[in-house]
C-alpha cells in the first residue's frame, strides 16, 4: 500500500538530524491532537538518542496568529540554524515559513488540515490532503500521521519499542479531534484505548483514579479525559495538558488533575451560559443563513465548544469569535456536508488567516473587515 507522501523522506531527515546532533525544534497546536502529536514525536526522538532543543505551542489568545507565528519564530531565533517541525498546523503558514527559511531553519510541516490553493515553501510537507498523495485514507488526525512517522523511525524495533505508549496517545488525540472511526483510526482506537486504561503513565493513572474507571465504560472514560484535557491554559507557551501528560510524578499528577477538572467545570458552565444568551437572539426561524456572533468575553479557549454547541442546536454554519481591539479570532463549525474552509476561501481577501477542516476551522480577521466578512458569508451560504 502507498505511504503518506513525504513521510519516509521526513523519517530519513529526522534520523540524519539525530545522528548529526542537529538542533531539533517542535511547534504544535495546543489542542489535544497537537499535544499528543508533540509527545509522540518527542518521545520517539528521545528514545532514538536525539533531543528536542526547544519547543513552542500555539497559544489560545488574540496576540498570536493561528499556526506558526512571528512570536514563536522570535522565540526560536536563538536556536537557528536547526530543523523546525510543525505539528497539527503550518499548512497555511505561508509568510511565517518564509521567515523561518530566512532565519536559517529547515522546516518540515506535518499537518492534516485542508490544503488551500498552494503549499507553504517548507523543505518537506506532509499532509495526506495535498495533491498527488496516494495514501488512501485521508481522515487521519495529526497524531495518526505522527504515529506512522514514529513507526518508520523505529523500523523493526517498533513492536518491541514504545508502541503501546504511542498507541495510547494516538487513540486519545484521534478521538479528541473527532476523526472518522474507520481504517487506520479504527486500529489506533482498538489497540490504544484498552492500553490507555491499563497505562503506567502517571497522568493516565491520576485521571483514571479521579474519574473512577470501574464506574464507566472505556468509551465514557475517554470522553471524560478528553473533556478535561482538550483545551487547557497555556503558560510560557506550554499547555497544561502537555505538562500533565509528560509528568513522571504520580502525586504531582494527582494535584494537577484536580486543577484541570476544576477548569473543565468552569469552562462548561461558561459555555452553557453564553449558549443561552446567544440562543435568545436566535430561533429555528431566524432568517439568516449563518450564525455570526462575537464578543470580547468569548475567550478562545471556549469558542470551539460554543460553535459546536450552537451549530448542533440550530443546524446552521456557526462563526463564533473573540473580538479584540484591532483583530478578532474565532472558531467555525458547520453541519454535515457544509465546507467551512471552502466558504472562507470565497472571502479570503478579507481574512488574515484561515483554515482547518471542512466542518471545524478557524479564522483571524481585522475588525475593520468584520462586517464585510459577515456579509460575504451571508451571501455565500444563502446560495447553497
Protein backbone atom coordinates (compact mmCIF):
# COMPACT_ATOMS: atom_id res chain seq x y z
CA UNK A 1 0.00 0.00 0.00
CA UNK A 2 1.15 3.54 -0.71
CA UNK A 3 2.78 5.52 2.10
CA UNK A 4 1.75 9.03 3.08
CA UNK A 5 3.59 11.38 0.73
CA UNK A 6 6.97 12.56 2.08
CA UNK A 7 6.67 10.55 5.30
CA UNK A 8 9.70 8.35 4.54
CA UNK A 9 11.60 11.45 3.48
CA UNK A 10 10.73 13.06 6.82
CA UNK A 11 11.87 9.97 8.73
CA UNK A 12 15.21 9.97 6.91
CA UNK A 13 15.69 13.69 7.61
CA UNK A 14 14.97 13.27 11.33
CA UNK A 15 17.29 10.26 11.52
CA UNK A 16 20.03 12.40 9.95
CA UNK A 17 19.36 15.18 12.47
CA UNK A 18 19.59 12.73 15.38
CA UNK A 19 22.82 11.20 14.04
CA UNK A 20 24.44 14.61 13.46
CA UNK A 21 23.14 16.03 16.76
CA UNK A 22 21.39 18.87 14.96
CA UNK A 23 19.09 21.22 16.83
CA UNK A 24 15.51 19.96 16.52
CA UNK A 25 12.68 22.35 17.39
CA UNK A 26 8.98 21.49 17.60
CA UNK A 27 5.99 23.80 17.17
CA UNK A 28 2.48 22.43 17.70
CA UNK A 29 -1.14 23.37 18.16
CA UNK A 30 -2.18 23.40 21.81
CA UNK A 31 -5.30 21.22 21.47
CA UNK A 32 -5.12 17.53 22.34
CA UNK A 33 -4.32 16.43 18.79
CA UNK A 34 -1.41 18.86 18.69
CA UNK A 35 -0.20 17.97 22.18
CA UNK A 36 -0.32 14.20 21.61
CA UNK A 37 1.41 14.65 18.24
CA UNK A 38 4.15 16.59 20.00
CA UNK A 39 4.62 13.97 22.75
CA UNK A 40 4.65 11.09 20.24
CA UNK A 41 7.41 12.72 18.19
CA UNK A 42 9.33 13.97 21.22
CA UNK A 43 9.34 10.57 22.95
CA UNK A 44 10.27 8.85 19.68
CA UNK A 45 13.22 11.15 19.06
CA UNK A 46 14.43 10.81 22.65
CA UNK A 47 14.15 7.02 22.51
CA UNK A 48 16.34 7.04 19.40
CA UNK A 49 19.03 9.08 21.10
CA UNK A 50 18.05 12.56 19.95
CA UNK A 51 16.84 15.59 21.88
CA UNK A 52 14.46 18.46 21.38
CA UNK A 53 16.37 21.74 21.55
CA UNK A 54 13.29 23.87 22.14
CA UNK A 55 9.52 23.81 21.83
CA UNK A 56 6.56 26.16 21.48
CA UNK A 57 2.81 25.58 21.38
CA UNK A 58 0.34 27.85 19.63
CA UNK A 59 -1.47 29.96 22.21
CA UNK A 60 -5.21 30.42 22.51
CA UNK A 61 -5.12 34.20 22.62
CA UNK A 62 -5.64 37.21 20.39
CA UNK A 63 -1.98 38.15 20.31
CA UNK A 64 -0.79 35.02 18.48
CA UNK A 65 -1.82 34.12 14.95
CA UNK A 66 -3.12 30.66 14.10
CA UNK A 67 -0.38 28.28 13.05
CA UNK A 68 3.32 29.02 13.08
CA UNK A 69 3.58 32.67 14.07
CA UNK A 70 6.03 35.53 14.44
CA UNK A 71 6.09 35.28 18.25
CA UNK A 72 7.22 31.67 18.04
CA UNK A 73 9.84 32.45 15.40
CA UNK A 74 11.18 35.31 17.51
CA UNK A 75 11.48 32.86 20.41
CA UNK A 76 13.14 30.19 18.23
CA UNK A 77 15.58 32.64 16.60
CA UNK A 78 18.27 31.98 19.22
CA UNK A 79 18.38 28.31 18.15
CA UNK A 80 18.93 28.90 14.44
CA UNK A 81 20.12 27.15 12.38
CA UNK A 82 18.13 23.99 13.08
CA UNK A 83 15.40 21.62 11.97
CA UNK A 84 11.98 23.12 12.75
CA UNK A 85 8.98 20.78 12.65
CA UNK A 86 5.36 21.97 12.85
CA UNK A 87 2.67 19.60 14.09
CA UNK A 88 -1.09 19.93 13.54
CA UNK A 89 -0.55 23.29 11.84
CA UNK A 90 1.63 25.01 9.26
CA UNK A 91 -0.16 24.12 6.04
CA UNK A 92 -1.42 27.73 5.74
CA UNK A 93 1.56 29.47 7.40
CA UNK A 94 2.95 30.80 4.13
CA UNK A 95 4.56 34.03 5.32
CA UNK A 96 5.85 32.56 8.57
CA UNK A 97 7.65 29.67 6.88
CA UNK A 98 9.35 32.13 4.54
CA UNK A 99 10.55 33.99 7.64
CA UNK A 100 11.74 30.69 9.16
CA UNK A 101 13.71 29.99 5.98
CA UNK A 102 15.41 33.39 6.18
CA UNK A 103 16.31 32.77 9.83
CA UNK A 104 18.19 29.65 8.75
CA UNK A 105 15.72 26.96 9.71
CA UNK A 106 14.97 23.93 7.61
CA UNK A 107 11.24 23.45 8.06
CA UNK A 108 9.09 20.32 7.95
CA UNK A 109 5.31 20.77 8.03
CA UNK A 110 3.29 17.85 9.38
CA UNK A 111 -0.40 18.69 9.17
CA UNK A 112 -3.77 17.12 8.39
CA UNK A 113 -5.89 20.19 7.67
CA UNK A 114 -7.27 21.18 4.30
CA UNK A 115 -4.75 22.46 1.79
CA UNK A 116 -5.58 25.84 0.28
CA UNK A 117 -4.54 26.93 -3.21
CA UNK A 118 -0.82 26.39 -2.63
CA UNK A 119 1.64 24.74 -0.26
CA UNK A 120 3.98 26.57 2.12
CA UNK A 121 7.59 26.80 0.97
CA UNK A 122 8.87 24.27 3.52
CA UNK A 123 11.65 21.75 2.89
CA UNK A 124 9.16 18.92 3.36
CA UNK A 125 5.36 18.99 3.55
CA UNK A 126 3.45 16.04 4.96
CA UNK A 127 -0.33 16.27 4.64
CA UNK A 128 -2.47 13.41 3.25
CA UNK A 129 -4.79 16.03 1.73
CA UNK A 130 -2.13 17.51 -0.57
CA UNK A 131 -2.26 16.75 -4.28
CA UNK A 132 -0.54 13.60 -5.51
CA UNK A 133 -0.71 11.99 -2.08
CA UNK A 134 -1.83 8.46 -2.88
CA UNK A 135 -2.40 7.28 0.67
CA UNK A 136 -5.99 6.01 0.55
CA UNK A 137 -7.17 7.14 4.00
CA UNK A 138 -7.44 10.92 4.28
CA UNK A 139 -9.14 11.23 7.68
CA UNK A 140 -6.15 10.81 9.95
CA UNK A 141 -5.75 13.07 12.95
CA UNK A 142 -2.34 14.71 13.03
CA UNK A 143 -1.32 12.33 15.80
CA UNK A 144 -2.19 9.44 13.47
CA UNK A 145 0.27 10.78 10.89
CA UNK A 146 2.86 11.23 13.64
CA UNK A 147 2.26 7.66 14.81
CA UNK A 148 3.04 6.40 11.30
CA UNK A 149 6.18 8.54 11.34
CA UNK A 150 7.20 7.03 14.69
CA UNK A 151 6.79 3.54 13.24
CA UNK A 152 9.08 4.42 10.34
CA UNK A 153 11.67 5.92 12.67
CA UNK A 154 11.74 2.84 14.91
CA UNK A 155 11.89 0.47 11.89
CA UNK A 156 11.98 -3.17 13.06
CA UNK A 157 12.14 -2.11 16.73
CA UNK A 158 8.61 -0.66 16.61
CA UNK A 159 6.85 -3.69 18.10
CA UNK A 160 9.36 -4.04 20.95
CA UNK A 161 9.86 -0.30 21.45
CA UNK A 162 7.37 2.20 22.79
CA UNK A 163 4.48 1.14 20.57
CA UNK A 164 1.98 0.84 23.45
CA UNK A 165 2.75 4.34 24.74
CA UNK A 166 2.43 5.75 21.24
CA UNK A 167 -0.85 3.95 20.50
CA UNK A 168 -2.42 5.25 23.74
CA UNK A 169 -1.64 8.83 22.79
CA UNK A 170 -2.70 8.27 19.18
CA UNK A 171 -6.10 6.91 20.20
CA UNK A 172 -6.61 9.84 22.58
CA UNK A 173 -5.69 12.52 20.01
CA UNK A 174 -7.72 10.84 17.26
CA UNK A 175 -10.86 10.71 19.39
CA UNK A 176 -10.33 14.25 20.70
CA UNK A 177 -10.20 15.59 17.15
CA UNK A 178 -13.42 13.68 16.33
CA UNK A 179 -11.97 11.90 13.32
CA UNK A 180 -13.81 9.24 11.36
CA UNK A 181 -13.56 5.89 13.15
CA UNK A 182 -12.55 3.59 10.33
CA UNK A 183 -9.42 2.24 8.61
CA UNK A 184 -6.25 3.40 10.43
CA UNK A 185 -8.21 5.26 13.10
CA UNK A 186 -10.18 2.15 14.00
CA UNK A 187 -6.90 0.28 14.56
CA UNK A 188 -5.46 3.08 16.69
CA UNK A 189 -8.56 3.14 18.88
CA UNK A 190 -8.94 -0.65 19.12
CA UNK A 191 -5.34 -1.01 20.32
CA UNK A 192 -4.84 2.30 22.09
CA UNK A 193 -7.91 2.63 24.32
CA UNK A 194 -7.51 -0.69 26.23
CA UNK A 195 -3.81 0.12 26.62
CA UNK A 196 -4.59 3.59 27.98
CA UNK A 197 -6.96 2.12 30.59
CA UNK A 198 -4.06 -0.01 31.89
CA UNK A 199 -1.33 2.53 31.20
CA UNK A 200 1.63 3.01 33.58
CA UNK A 201 1.81 6.68 32.53
CA UNK A 202 1.28 8.62 35.81
CA UNK A 203 -1.05 11.16 34.16
CA UNK A 204 -3.42 8.45 32.94
CA UNK A 205 -3.31 6.74 36.33
CA UNK A 206 -4.26 10.01 38.04
CA UNK A 207 -7.07 10.63 35.54
CA UNK A 208 -8.46 7.12 35.93
CA UNK A 209 -8.40 7.44 39.73
CA UNK A 210 -10.19 10.79 39.51
CA UNK A 211 -12.84 9.58 37.06
CA UNK A 212 -13.33 6.19 38.72
CA UNK A 213 -12.57 3.74 35.93
CA UNK A 214 -14.71 0.96 37.47
CA UNK A 215 -17.84 3.11 37.18
CA UNK A 216 -17.73 3.76 33.43
CA UNK A 217 -17.20 2.04 30.09
CA UNK A 218 -13.90 2.63 28.26
CA UNK A 219 -15.65 4.97 25.81
CA UNK A 220 -17.15 7.02 28.65
CA UNK A 221 -13.76 7.22 30.35
CA UNK A 222 -12.09 8.51 27.19
CA UNK A 223 -14.83 11.14 26.71
CA UNK A 224 -14.26 12.38 30.25
CA UNK A 225 -10.48 12.50 29.77
CA UNK A 226 -10.89 14.48 26.54
CA UNK A 227 -13.22 16.96 28.25
CA UNK A 228 -10.59 17.60 30.91
CA UNK A 229 -7.56 17.81 28.62
CA UNK A 230 -8.59 19.03 25.16
CA UNK A 231 -8.21 22.77 25.79
CA UNK A 232 -6.13 23.83 28.78
CA UNK A 233 -4.43 27.02 29.86
CA UNK A 234 -1.07 27.78 28.30
CA UNK A 235 1.73 29.16 30.46
CA UNK A 236 5.03 30.26 28.93
CA UNK A 237 3.83 28.81 25.60
CA UNK A 238 3.40 25.32 27.14
CA UNK A 239 -0.16 23.98 27.65
CA UNK A 240 -1.01 22.37 30.95
CA UNK A 241 -2.12 19.23 29.12
CA UNK A 242 1.45 18.72 27.88
CA UNK A 243 2.97 19.32 31.32
CA UNK A 244 0.45 16.92 32.82
CA UNK A 245 0.81 14.11 30.27
CA UNK A 246 4.61 14.20 30.48
CA UNK A 247 4.77 14.42 34.29
CA UNK A 248 6.53 11.44 35.90
CA UNK A 249 5.45 12.15 39.50
CA UNK A 250 2.12 10.48 40.36
CA UNK A 251 1.48 12.71 43.40
CA UNK A 252 2.02 15.84 41.31
CA UNK A 253 -0.26 14.41 38.60
CA UNK A 254 -2.98 13.89 41.19
CA UNK A 255 -2.73 17.55 42.21
CA UNK A 256 -2.72 18.69 38.59
CA UNK A 257 -5.79 16.65 37.67
CA UNK A 258 -7.80 18.40 40.39
CA UNK A 259 -6.93 21.79 38.91
CA UNK A 260 -7.64 20.63 35.36
CA UNK A 261 -11.01 19.18 36.41
CA UNK A 262 -11.94 22.47 38.07
CA UNK A 263 -11.05 24.38 34.91
CA UNK A 264 -13.18 22.00 32.87
CA UNK A 265 -16.22 22.52 35.13
CA UNK A 266 -15.84 26.30 34.92
CA UNK A 267 -15.45 26.14 31.14
CA UNK A 268 -18.57 24.00 30.74
CA UNK A 269 -20.65 26.41 32.84
CA UNK A 270 -19.42 29.38 30.83
CA UNK A 271 -20.21 27.65 27.52
CA UNK A 272 -23.70 26.78 28.77
CA UNK A 273 -24.42 30.33 29.92
CA UNK A 274 -23.17 32.00 26.74
CA UNK A 275 -25.05 29.48 24.59
CA UNK A 276 -28.27 30.52 26.32
CA UNK A 277 -27.50 34.22 25.75
CA UNK A 278 -26.84 33.65 22.05
CA UNK A 279 -29.83 31.31 21.84
CA UNK A 280 -32.12 34.12 22.96
CA UNK A 281 -31.14 36.03 19.81
CA UNK A 282 -31.74 33.10 17.55
CA UNK A 283 -34.58 30.69 16.95
CA UNK A 284 -35.30 27.98 14.40
CA UNK A 285 -36.98 30.52 12.10
CA UNK A 286 -34.13 33.03 12.27
CA UNK A 287 -33.82 34.14 8.64
CA UNK A 288 -30.03 34.40 8.35
CA UNK A 289 -28.25 31.52 6.63
CA UNK A 290 -25.29 31.71 9.02
CA UNK A 291 -24.78 32.44 12.73
CA UNK A 292 -22.08 35.08 13.23
CA UNK A 293 -21.51 36.21 16.81
CA UNK A 294 -18.59 37.72 18.68
CA UNK A 295 -17.65 39.45 21.93
CA UNK A 296 -14.56 40.34 23.91
CA UNK A 297 -15.92 37.95 26.56
CA UNK A 298 -15.84 34.89 24.27
CA UNK A 299 -12.34 33.63 25.09
CA UNK A 300 -10.59 31.50 22.50
CA UNK A 301 -10.49 28.61 24.97
CA UNK A 302 -14.27 28.21 24.54
CA UNK A 303 -15.11 29.47 21.02
CA UNK A 304 -14.75 25.96 19.59
CA UNK A 305 -17.10 24.45 22.17
CA UNK A 306 -19.54 27.33 21.72
CA UNK A 307 -19.55 26.96 17.95
CA UNK A 308 -20.12 23.21 18.20
CA UNK A 309 -22.97 23.54 20.66
CA UNK A 310 -24.76 26.29 18.75
CA UNK A 311 -24.24 24.60 15.38
CA UNK A 312 -25.68 21.35 16.73
CA UNK A 313 -28.64 23.21 18.20
CA UNK A 314 -29.58 25.37 15.22
CA UNK A 315 -28.18 23.26 12.34
CA UNK A 316 -26.57 26.28 10.70
CA UNK A 317 -22.97 27.29 9.97
CA UNK A 318 -21.69 28.96 13.11
CA UNK A 319 -18.87 31.53 13.38
CA UNK A 320 -18.09 32.46 17.00
CA UNK A 321 -15.21 34.83 17.70
CA UNK A 322 -13.40 36.76 20.40
CA UNK A 323 -13.26 40.43 19.50
CA UNK A 324 -10.10 42.32 20.34
CA UNK A 325 -9.14 45.95 19.94
CA UNK A 326 -7.96 45.58 16.34
CA UNK A 327 -8.43 41.94 15.36
CA UNK A 328 -10.84 39.12 16.05
CA UNK A 329 -10.17 35.38 16.12
CA UNK A 330 -12.77 32.69 16.02
CA UNK A 331 -13.87 29.11 15.56
CA UNK A 332 -16.19 27.73 12.92
CA UNK A 333 -18.45 24.68 12.97
CA UNK A 334 -20.82 23.65 10.19
CA UNK A 335 -23.47 20.97 9.71
CA UNK A 336 -22.51 17.77 7.91
CA UNK A 337 -21.88 18.34 4.22
CA UNK A 338 -21.13 22.07 4.59
CA UNK A 339 -17.50 23.02 3.93
CA UNK A 340 -16.40 25.94 6.12
CA UNK A 341 -12.95 26.25 4.52
CA UNK A 342 -14.47 26.47 1.03
CA UNK A 343 -16.79 29.20 2.31
CA UNK A 344 -13.91 31.21 3.74
CA UNK A 345 -11.92 30.83 0.51
CA UNK A 346 -14.64 32.96 -1.09
CA UNK A 347 -13.93 35.66 1.50
CA UNK A 348 -10.16 35.17 1.71
CA UNK A 349 -9.29 38.75 0.70
CA UNK A 350 -10.93 39.91 3.95
CA UNK A 351 -9.09 37.47 6.25
CA UNK A 352 -5.61 37.49 7.73
CA UNK A 353 -5.52 33.72 8.31
CA UNK A 354 -7.99 30.87 7.97
CA UNK A 355 -8.01 27.11 7.64
CA UNK A 356 -8.79 23.77 9.24
CA UNK A 357 -11.27 21.02 8.43
CA UNK A 358 -14.43 21.19 6.36
CA UNK A 359 -16.69 21.20 9.42
CA UNK A 360 -14.29 22.60 12.03
CA UNK A 361 -11.98 25.50 11.28
CA UNK A 362 -10.76 28.90 12.45
CA UNK A 363 -10.02 32.41 11.25
CA UNK A 364 -8.36 35.71 12.09
CA UNK A 365 -9.82 38.96 10.74
CA UNK A 366 -9.16 42.65 11.26
CA UNK A 367 -12.12 44.32 12.95
CA UNK A 368 -12.46 46.80 10.10
CA UNK A 369 -13.35 43.80 7.89
CA UNK A 370 -15.75 42.05 10.30
CA UNK A 371 -18.96 43.37 8.77
CA UNK A 372 -17.70 42.75 5.23
CA UNK A 373 -16.77 39.21 6.23
CA UNK A 374 -20.22 38.64 7.67
CA UNK A 375 -21.92 39.92 4.52
CA UNK A 376 -19.66 37.76 2.36
CA UNK A 377 -20.64 34.68 4.38
CA UNK A 378 -24.33 35.55 4.27
CA UNK A 379 -24.14 35.86 0.52
CA UNK A 380 -22.22 32.59 0.15
CA UNK A 381 -24.44 30.49 2.41
CA UNK A 382 -27.66 31.92 1.01
CA UNK A 383 -26.76 30.30 -2.32
CA UNK A 384 -26.04 26.77 -1.13
